Amino acid sequence: MLENIRPHIAELRSRLIKIVISYGIAFLIVFTNWQIIYGWMKKPLETVFNRPMIFTSLSEPFITALKISLYAGFVLALPFIMWQVWKFIAPALYENEKKMAIPFVFWTTVMFLTGVSFAYYVVFPFGANVLINFGGVQFEAMLKMSEYIGFFAKFMFGFGIAFELPVFSYALAKMDLITDKTLKDGFRYAIVIIFTVAAILTPPDPATQFLMAIPLIVLYGVSIIIVKMVNPYKETEETNEKGE
C-alpha cells in the first residue's frame, strides 16, 4: 500500500515546494514595496480617520511590514498556488474535467479579487465609519497599526474566500459531486452558516453584517443556477432506480 501512495506523496511534496518558492518570491516583492501596500490598506479610512496610526513597541512597525508582506504576497501568488493545486488533483480527473484547469484558475482569481474589491470599496468604509463615529465626541480614535492590519486582512480575505462559492460549486457539479437539488436542500442551513460567518468576519453592527450576508445569499442563488446548468438533478432517473 505504501508503494502505491509513494508517488502521490512525492508529487505533493513537489507541488508544495513550488508553492512555497512562489510565495517566498511574492513575499520579497511585496516587502520591498510594503509602504505602498500600507497606504492602500489605510485608504478606506481617509474620510473618517486621516491621521497617522500609532505603535506601542519598538518592533511593531517591522512586524507590521512582515504581516502586510505575508498577506499581500499570498494574493500575488494566488494564481500560481491555485494552478499547482489543480495540477496535483488533475491526474485523478477525466479528460473533460481536466479542461477546466485554466478556467478554474482564472475564475478563482477573478472571484477572489471581486470579493476583496466589494469589501474594500463598499463594506469596509461603511463599517469603519460606523465604528469610529459610534461614540461621537466622547472618544478619540487612536488606531494601532498592527491591530488595524490584522483586522483589515481578515475582513478582505473573508470576502475574497466567500466569493469563491460559485466557482467551487461549478467545479463540484462538473465532477458530478453535487446537483442543484443538493444546494436547494441545504439552503436553510446555508443561511445560518452565512449569517454566522458574517457575524464573525465583520464589525459588530447589523448593517455591516447584512452587507456581507446579502451578497453571499445572492451568490448562493447564482451557484444553484450554475449547478443546474452543469449538472441538473434528474428526478426520473432516481425514480427508476427506486422502482427497480
C-alpha atoms as a PDB file:
ATOM      1  CA  MET A   1       0.000   0.000   0.000  1.00  0.00           C
ATOM      2  CA  LEU A   2       2.865   2.340   0.843  1.00  0.00           C
ATOM      3  CA  GLU A   3       4.350   1.736  -2.594  1.00  0.00           C
ATOM      4  CA  ASN A   4       1.079   2.822  -4.190  1.00  0.00           C
ATOM      5  CA  ILE A   5       0.851   6.146  -2.365  1.00  0.00           C
ATOM      6  CA  ARG A   6       4.568   6.987  -2.505  1.00  0.00           C
ATOM      7  CA  PRO A   7       4.349   8.611  -5.982  1.00  0.00           C
ATOM      8  CA  HIS A   8       1.434  10.758  -4.759  1.00  0.00           C
ATOM      9  CA  ILE A   9       3.441  11.852  -1.715  1.00  0.00           C
ATOM     10  CA  ALA A  10       6.384  12.748  -3.949  1.00  0.00           C
ATOM     11  CA  GLU A  11       4.060  14.718  -6.262  1.00  0.00           C
ATOM     12  CA  LEU A  12       2.511  16.536  -3.290  1.00  0.00           C
ATOM     13  CA  ARG A  13       5.977  17.380  -1.976  1.00  0.00           C
ATOM     14  CA  SER A  14       6.993  18.772  -5.378  1.00  0.00           C
ATOM     15  CA  ARG A  15       3.854  20.942  -5.601  1.00  0.00           C
ATOM     16  CA  LEU A  16       4.262  22.234  -2.048  1.00  0.00           C
ATOM     17  CA  ILE A  17       7.888  23.186  -2.704  1.00  0.00           C
ATOM     18  CA  LYS A  18       6.843  25.144  -5.800  1.00  0.00           C
ATOM     19  CA  ILE A  19       4.089  26.868  -3.830  1.00  0.00           C
ATOM     20  CA  VAL A  20       6.476  27.824  -1.024  1.00  0.00           C
ATOM     21  CA  ILE A  21       9.053  29.163  -3.502  1.00  0.00           C
ATOM     22  CA  SER A  22       6.435  31.216  -5.379  1.00  0.00           C
ATOM     23  CA  TYR A  23       5.055  32.545  -2.095  1.00  0.00           C
ATOM     24  CA  GLY A  24       8.579  33.456  -0.977  1.00  0.00           C
ATOM     25  CA  ILE A  25       9.253  35.364  -4.205  1.00  0.00           C
ATOM     26  CA  ALA A  26       5.911  37.177  -3.929  1.00  0.00           C
ATOM     27  CA  PHE A  27       6.680  37.990  -0.276  1.00  0.00           C
ATOM     28  CA  LEU A  28      10.032  39.563  -1.180  1.00  0.00           C
ATOM     29  CA  ILE A  29       8.469  41.610  -3.999  1.00  0.00           C
ATOM     30  CA  VAL A  30       5.807  42.975  -1.661  1.00  0.00           C
ATOM     31  CA  PHE A  31       8.226  43.522   1.249  1.00  0.00           C
ATOM     32  CA  THR A  32      10.311  45.915  -0.855  1.00  0.00           C
ATOM     33  CA  ASN A  33       7.125  47.920  -1.510  1.00  0.00           C
ATOM     34  CA  TRP A  34       5.243  47.387   1.755  1.00  0.00           C
ATOM     35  CA  GLN A  35       4.729  51.114   2.379  1.00  0.00           C
ATOM     36  CA  ILE A  36       2.744  51.413  -0.872  1.00  0.00           C
ATOM     37  CA  ILE A  37       0.532  48.489   0.192  1.00  0.00           C
ATOM     38  CA  TYR A  38       0.161  50.013   3.662  1.00  0.00           C
ATOM     39  CA  GLY A  39      -1.052  53.271   2.116  1.00  0.00           C
ATOM     40  CA  TRP A  40      -3.581  51.308   0.049  1.00  0.00           C
ATOM     41  CA  MET A  41      -4.809  49.495   3.156  1.00  0.00           C
ATOM     42  CA  LYS A  42      -5.286  52.784   5.014  1.00  0.00           C
ATOM     43  CA  LYS A  43      -7.137  54.498   2.166  1.00  0.00           C
ATOM     44  CA  PRO A  44     -10.691  53.357   3.114  1.00  0.00           C
ATOM     45  CA  LEU A  45     -10.233  55.187   6.435  1.00  0.00           C
ATOM     46  CA  GLU A  46      -9.296  58.559   4.941  1.00  0.00           C
ATOM     47  CA  THR A  47     -12.787  60.050   5.144  1.00  0.00           C
ATOM     48  CA  VAL A  48     -13.191  59.243   8.854  1.00  0.00           C
ATOM     49  CA  PHE A  49      -9.619  58.893  10.168  1.00  0.00           C
ATOM     50  CA  ASN A  50      -6.974  60.871   8.329  1.00  0.00           C
ATOM     51  CA  ARG A  51      -4.250  60.736  10.973  1.00  0.00           C
ATOM     52  CA  PRO A  52      -1.108  58.595  11.426  1.00  0.00           C
ATOM     53  CA  MET A  53      -1.597  55.334  13.294  1.00  0.00           C
ATOM     54  CA  ILE A  54       0.300  54.608  16.482  1.00  0.00           C
ATOM     55  CA  PHE A  55       2.564  51.763  17.599  1.00  0.00           C
ATOM     56  CA  THR A  56       3.358  50.743  21.163  1.00  0.00           C
ATOM     57  CA  SER A  57       6.503  48.635  20.795  1.00  0.00           C
ATOM     58  CA  LEU A  58       9.824  49.128  19.020  1.00  0.00           C
ATOM     59  CA  SER A  59       9.367  46.111  16.768  1.00  0.00           C
ATOM     60  CA  GLU A  60       5.765  46.826  15.790  1.00  0.00           C
ATOM     61  CA  PRO A  61       6.486  48.737  12.525  1.00  0.00           C
ATOM     62  CA  PHE A  62       8.766  45.907  11.322  1.00  0.00           C
ATOM     63  CA  ILE A  63       6.287  43.196  12.369  1.00  0.00           C
ATOM     64  CA  THR A  64       3.522  45.125  10.622  1.00  0.00           C
ATOM     65  CA  ALA A  65       5.593  45.271   7.425  1.00  0.00           C
ATOM     66  CA  LEU A  66       6.062  41.489   7.651  1.00  0.00           C
ATOM     67  CA  LYS A  67       2.316  40.945   8.121  1.00  0.00           C
ATOM     68  CA  ILE A  68       1.487  43.141   5.142  1.00  0.00           C
ATOM     69  CA  SER A  69       4.002  41.245   3.010  1.00  0.00           C
ATOM     70  CA  LEU A  70       2.604  37.875   4.084  1.00  0.00           C
ATOM     71  CA  TYR A  71      -0.992  38.862   3.300  1.00  0.00           C
ATOM     72  CA  ALA A  72      -0.299  40.680   0.029  1.00  0.00           C
ATOM     73  CA  GLY A  73       2.258  38.079  -1.044  1.00  0.00           C
ATOM     74  CA  PHE A  74      -0.406  35.394  -0.806  1.00  0.00           C
ATOM     75  CA  VAL A  75      -2.739  37.389  -3.060  1.00  0.00           C
ATOM     76  CA  LEU A  76       0.078  37.958  -5.567  1.00  0.00           C
ATOM     77  CA  ALA A  77       0.973  34.250  -5.612  1.00  0.00           C
ATOM     78  CA  LEU A  78      -2.662  33.063  -5.609  1.00  0.00           C
ATOM     79  CA  PRO A  79      -2.962  32.244  -9.349  1.00  0.00           C
ATOM     80  CA  PHE A  80       0.195  30.112  -9.244  1.00  0.00           C
ATOM     81  CA  ILE A  81      -0.920  28.436  -5.997  1.00  0.00           C
ATOM     82  CA  MET A  82      -4.300  27.537  -7.492  1.00  0.00           C
ATOM     83  CA  TRP A  83      -2.557  26.229 -10.611  1.00  0.00           C
ATOM     84  CA  GLN A  84      -0.383  23.926  -8.504  1.00  0.00           C
ATOM     85  CA  VAL A  85      -3.417  22.698  -6.562  1.00  0.00           C
ATOM     86  CA  TRP A  86      -5.155  21.906  -9.825  1.00  0.00           C
ATOM     87  CA  LYS A  87      -2.098  20.142 -11.274  1.00  0.00           C
ATOM     88  CA  PHE A  88      -1.993  17.919  -8.199  1.00  0.00           C
ATOM     89  CA  ILE A  89      -5.615  16.778  -8.456  1.00  0.00           C
ATOM     90  CA  ALA A  90      -5.745  16.714 -12.286  1.00  0.00           C
ATOM     91  CA  PRO A  91      -4.385  13.125 -12.706  1.00  0.00           C
ATOM     92  CA  ALA A  92      -7.435  11.800 -10.817  1.00  0.00           C
ATOM     93  CA  LEU A  93      -9.862  13.541 -13.182  1.00  0.00           C
ATOM     94  CA  TYR A  94     -11.366  12.564 -16.522  1.00  0.00           C
ATOM     95  CA  GLU A  95     -10.204  14.279 -19.712  1.00  0.00           C
ATOM     96  CA  ASN A  96     -13.265  16.537 -19.893  1.00  0.00           C
ATOM     97  CA  GLU A  97     -12.693  17.599 -16.273  1.00  0.00           C
ATOM     98  CA  LYS A  98      -9.023  18.405 -16.945  1.00  0.00           C
ATOM     99  CA  LYS A  99     -10.129  21.034 -19.471  1.00  0.00           C
ATOM    100  CA  MET A 100     -11.385  23.080 -16.514  1.00  0.00           C
ATOM    101  CA  ALA A 101      -7.826  23.902 -15.389  1.00  0.00           C
ATOM    102  CA  ILE A 102      -7.361  27.338 -16.954  1.00  0.00           C
ATOM    103  CA  PRO A 103     -10.972  28.497 -16.332  1.00  0.00           C
ATOM    104  CA  PHE A 104     -10.685  27.265 -12.729  1.00  0.00           C
ATOM    105  CA  VAL A 105      -7.505  29.249 -12.051  1.00  0.00           C
ATOM    106  CA  PHE A 106      -8.853  32.309 -13.887  1.00  0.00           C
ATOM    107  CA  TRP A 107     -12.247  32.406 -12.165  1.00  0.00           C
ATOM    108  CA  THR A 108     -10.944  31.617  -8.666  1.00  0.00           C
ATOM    109  CA  THR A 109      -8.611  34.597  -9.016  1.00  0.00           C
ATOM    110  CA  VAL A 110     -11.303  36.855 -10.512  1.00  0.00           C
ATOM    111  CA  MET A 111     -13.910  35.994  -7.875  1.00  0.00           C
ATOM    112  CA  PHE A 112     -11.414  36.384  -5.024  1.00  0.00           C
ATOM    113  CA  LEU A 113     -10.463  39.854  -6.280  1.00  0.00           C
ATOM    114  CA  THR A 114     -14.143  40.705  -6.803  1.00  0.00           C
ATOM    115  CA  GLY A 115     -14.891  39.826  -3.185  1.00  0.00           C
ATOM    116  CA  VAL A 116     -11.918  41.876  -1.963  1.00  0.00           C
ATOM    117  CA  SER A 117     -12.953  44.839  -4.138  1.00  0.00           C
ATOM    118  CA  PHE A 118     -16.536  44.738  -2.857  1.00  0.00           C
ATOM    119  CA  ALA A 119     -15.284  44.675   0.730  1.00  0.00           C
ATOM    120  CA  TYR A 120     -12.692  47.402   0.111  1.00  0.00           C
ATOM    121  CA  TYR A 121     -14.894  49.907  -1.712  1.00  0.00           C
ATOM    122  CA  VAL A 122     -18.324  49.253  -0.183  1.00  0.00           C
ATOM    123  CA  VAL A 123     -18.460  47.342   3.096  1.00  0.00           C
ATOM    124  CA  PHE A 124     -15.236  48.288   4.897  1.00  0.00           C
ATOM    125  CA  PRO A 125     -15.584  52.102   4.600  1.00  0.00           C
ATOM    126  CA  PHE A 126     -19.162  51.861   5.843  1.00  0.00           C
ATOM    127  CA  GLY A 127     -18.231  49.618   8.788  1.00  0.00           C
ATOM    128  CA  ALA A 128     -15.214  51.741   9.708  1.00  0.00           C
ATOM    129  CA  ASN A 129     -17.331  54.891   9.673  1.00  0.00           C
ATOM    130  CA  VAL A 130     -19.914  53.317  11.992  1.00  0.00           C
ATOM    131  CA  LEU A 131     -17.309  52.040  14.466  1.00  0.00           C
ATOM    132  CA  ILE A 132     -15.105  55.146  14.611  1.00  0.00           C
ATOM    133  CA  ASN A 133     -18.021  57.562  14.971  1.00  0.00           C
ATOM    134  CA  PHE A 134     -20.003  55.358  17.350  1.00  0.00           C
ATOM    135  CA  GLY A 135     -19.007  57.316  20.448  1.00  0.00           C
ATOM    136  CA  GLY A 136     -19.382  60.731  18.825  1.00  0.00           C
ATOM    137  CA  VAL A 137     -17.238  63.337  20.553  1.00  0.00           C
ATOM    138  CA  GLN A 138     -16.936  61.291  23.747  1.00  0.00           C
ATOM    139  CA  PHE A 139     -13.970  59.283  22.427  1.00  0.00           C
ATOM    140  CA  GLU A 140     -10.894  59.999  20.364  1.00  0.00           C
ATOM    141  CA  ALA A 141      -9.744  57.326  17.928  1.00  0.00           C
ATOM    142  CA  MET A 142      -6.101  56.202  18.218  1.00  0.00           C
ATOM    143  CA  LEU A 143      -5.717  53.225  15.919  1.00  0.00           C
ATOM    144  CA  LYS A 144      -2.843  50.810  16.474  1.00  0.00           C
ATOM    145  CA  MET A 145      -1.222  49.876  13.176  1.00  0.00           C
ATOM    146  CA  SER A 146      -0.707  46.134  13.803  1.00  0.00           C
ATOM    147  CA  GLU A 147      -4.258  45.615  15.065  1.00  0.00           C
ATOM    148  CA  TYR A 148      -5.711  47.512  12.117  1.00  0.00           C
ATOM    149  CA  ILE A 149      -3.718  45.484   9.559  1.00  0.00           C
ATOM    150  CA  GLY A 150      -4.862  42.208  11.139  1.00  0.00           C
ATOM    151  CA  PHE A 151      -8.495  43.327  11.162  1.00  0.00           C
ATOM    152  CA  PHE A 152      -8.297  44.622   7.589  1.00  0.00           C
ATOM    153  CA  ALA A 153      -6.693  41.409   6.287  1.00  0.00           C
ATOM    154  CA  LYS A 154      -9.260  39.151   7.982  1.00  0.00           C
ATOM    155  CA  PHE A 155     -12.043  41.268   6.533  1.00  0.00           C
ATOM    156  CA  MET A 156     -10.677  41.203   2.968  1.00  0.00           C
ATOM    157  CA  PHE A 157      -9.769  37.515   2.965  1.00  0.00           C
ATOM    158  CA  GLY A 158     -13.192  36.638   4.366  1.00  0.00           C
ATOM    159  CA  PHE A 159     -14.947  38.344   1.464  1.00  0.00           C
ATOM    160  CA  GLY A 160     -12.472  37.022  -1.077  1.00  0.00           C
ATOM    161  CA  ILE A 161     -12.932  33.404   0.007  1.00  0.00           C
ATOM    162  CA  ALA A 162     -16.711  33.755   0.330  1.00  0.00           C
ATOM    163  CA  PHE A 163     -16.964  34.969  -3.273  1.00  0.00           C
ATOM    164  CA  GLU A 164     -15.384  31.695  -4.462  1.00  0.00           C
ATOM    165  CA  LEU A 165     -18.682  29.885  -3.835  1.00  0.00           C
ATOM    166  CA  PRO A 166     -19.931  29.872  -7.471  1.00  0.00           C
ATOM    167  CA  VAL A 167     -16.547  28.671  -8.771  1.00  0.00           C
ATOM    168  CA  PHE A 168     -16.296  25.728  -6.397  1.00  0.00           C
ATOM    169  CA  SER A 169     -19.965  24.897  -6.910  1.00  0.00           C
ATOM    170  CA  TYR A 170     -19.321  24.736 -10.656  1.00  0.00           C
ATOM    171  CA  ALA A 171     -16.252  22.519 -10.180  1.00  0.00           C
ATOM    172  CA  LEU A 172     -18.106  20.120  -7.853  1.00  0.00           C
ATOM    173  CA  ALA A 173     -21.052  19.941 -10.228  1.00  0.00           C
ATOM    174  CA  LYS A 174     -18.746  19.289 -13.173  1.00  0.00           C
ATOM    175  CA  MET A 175     -17.277  16.339 -11.245  1.00  0.00           C
ATOM    176  CA  ASP A 176     -20.834  15.089 -10.586  1.00  0.00           C
ATOM    177  CA  LEU A 177     -20.473  15.533  -6.817  1.00  0.00           C
ATOM    178  CA  ILE A 178     -23.434  17.890  -6.351  1.00  0.00           C
ATOM    179  CA  THR A 179     -26.644  18.820  -8.168  1.00  0.00           C
ATOM    180  CA  ASP A 180     -28.902  21.840  -7.924  1.00  0.00           C
ATOM    181  CA  LYS A 181     -31.104  19.801  -5.539  1.00  0.00           C
ATOM    182  CA  THR A 182     -28.124  19.420  -3.192  1.00  0.00           C
ATOM    183  CA  LEU A 183     -27.838  23.193  -2.860  1.00  0.00           C
ATOM    184  CA  LYS A 184     -31.598  23.742  -2.694  1.00  0.00           C
ATOM    185  CA  ASP A 185     -31.965  21.192   0.109  1.00  0.00           C
ATOM    186  CA  GLY A 186     -29.138  22.850   2.029  1.00  0.00           C
ATOM    187  CA  PHE A 187     -30.434  26.407   1.604  1.00  0.00           C
ATOM    188  CA  ARG A 188     -31.783  26.760   5.157  1.00  0.00           C
ATOM    189  CA  TYR A 189     -28.508  25.557   6.641  1.00  0.00           C
ATOM    190  CA  ALA A 190     -26.580  27.804   4.260  1.00  0.00           C
ATOM    191  CA  ILE A 191     -28.475  30.871   5.535  1.00  0.00           C
ATOM    192  CA  VAL A 192     -27.491  30.074   9.124  1.00  0.00           C
ATOM    193  CA  ILE A 193     -23.849  29.492   8.124  1.00  0.00           C
ATOM    194  CA  ILE A 194     -23.733  32.677   6.027  1.00  0.00           C
ATOM    195  CA  PHE A 195     -25.010  34.896   8.847  1.00  0.00           C
ATOM    196  CA  THR A 196     -22.680  33.177  11.330  1.00  0.00           C
ATOM    197  CA  VAL A 197     -19.676  33.786   9.086  1.00  0.00           C
ATOM    198  CA  ALA A 198     -20.798  37.386   8.517  1.00  0.00           C
ATOM    199  CA  ALA A 199     -21.039  37.937  12.277  1.00  0.00           C
ATOM    200  CA  ILE A 200     -17.501  36.576  12.777  1.00  0.00           C
ATOM    201  CA  LEU A 201     -15.782  38.407   9.912  1.00  0.00           C
ATOM    202  CA  THR A 202     -17.451  41.812  10.073  1.00  0.00           C
ATOM    203  CA  PRO A 203     -17.578  44.551  12.725  1.00  0.00           C
ATOM    204  CA  PRO A 204     -20.235  44.008  15.404  1.00  0.00           C
ATOM    205  CA  ASP A 205     -23.005  46.022  13.827  1.00  0.00           C
ATOM    206  CA  PRO A 206     -26.031  44.559  11.994  1.00  0.00           C
ATOM    207  CA  ALA A 207     -25.756  46.830   8.931  1.00  0.00           C
ATOM    208  CA  THR A 208     -22.223  45.673   8.065  1.00  0.00           C
ATOM    209  CA  GLN A 209     -23.165  42.042   8.688  1.00  0.00           C
ATOM    210  CA  PHE A 210     -26.061  42.366   6.263  1.00  0.00           C
ATOM    211  CA  LEU A 211     -23.727  43.956   3.691  1.00  0.00           C
ATOM    212  CA  MET A 212     -21.733  40.713   3.758  1.00  0.00           C
ATOM    213  CA  ALA A 213     -24.614  38.267   4.179  1.00  0.00           C
ATOM    214  CA  ILE A 214     -26.842  39.571   1.360  1.00  0.00           C
ATOM    215  CA  PRO A 215     -24.213  39.213  -1.416  1.00  0.00           C
ATOM    216  CA  LEU A 216     -23.405  35.704  -0.150  1.00  0.00           C
ATOM    217  CA  ILE A 217     -27.065  34.713  -0.317  1.00  0.00           C
ATOM    218  CA  VAL A 218     -27.210  36.097  -3.860  1.00  0.00           C
ATOM    219  CA  LEU A 219     -24.042  34.137  -4.744  1.00  0.00           C
ATOM    220  CA  TYR A 220     -25.620  31.008  -3.299  1.00  0.00           C
ATOM    221  CA  GLY A 221     -28.601  31.552  -5.586  1.00  0.00           C
ATOM    222  CA  VAL A 222     -26.253  32.105  -8.543  1.00  0.00           C
ATOM    223  CA  SER A 223     -24.475  28.863  -7.597  1.00  0.00           C
ATOM    224  CA  ILE A 224     -27.788  26.978  -7.741  1.00  0.00           C
ATOM    225  CA  ILE A 225     -28.410  28.321 -11.260  1.00  0.00           C
ATOM    226  CA  ILE A 226     -24.871  27.424 -12.371  1.00  0.00           C
ATOM    227  CA  VAL A 227     -25.094  23.906 -10.957  1.00  0.00           C
ATOM    228  CA  LYS A 228     -28.497  23.392 -12.562  1.00  0.00           C
ATOM    229  CA  MET A 229     -26.987  24.266 -15.940  1.00  0.00           C
ATOM    230  CA  VAL A 230     -23.972  21.986 -15.413  1.00  0.00           C
ATOM    231  CA  ASN A 231     -25.371  19.007 -13.516  1.00  0.00           C
ATOM    232  CA  PRO A 232     -29.166  19.225 -13.046  1.00  0.00           C
ATOM    233  CA  TYR A 233     -30.979  16.882 -10.701  1.00  0.00           C
ATOM    234  CA  LYS A 234     -32.589  14.040 -12.672  1.00  0.00           C
ATOM    235  CA  GLU A 235     -35.704  13.041 -10.794  1.00  0.00           C
ATOM    236  CA  THR A 236     -36.815  10.447 -13.379  1.00  0.00           C
ATOM    237  CA  GLU A 237     -33.569   8.502 -13.071  1.00  0.00           C
ATOM    238  CA  GLU A 238     -33.827   8.328  -9.291  1.00  0.00           C
ATOM    239  CA  THR A 239     -37.458   7.204  -9.555  1.00  0.00           C
ATOM    240  CA  ASN A 240     -36.472   4.429 -11.980  1.00  0.00           C
ATOM    241  CA  GLU A 241     -33.687   3.242  -9.672  1.00  0.00           C
ATOM    242  CA  LYS A 242     -36.116   3.031  -6.732  1.00  0.00           C
ATOM    243  CA  GLY A 243     -38.619   1.157  -8.899  1.00  0.00           C
ATOM    244  CA  GLU A 244     -36.015  -1.447  -9.793  1.00  0.00           C
END
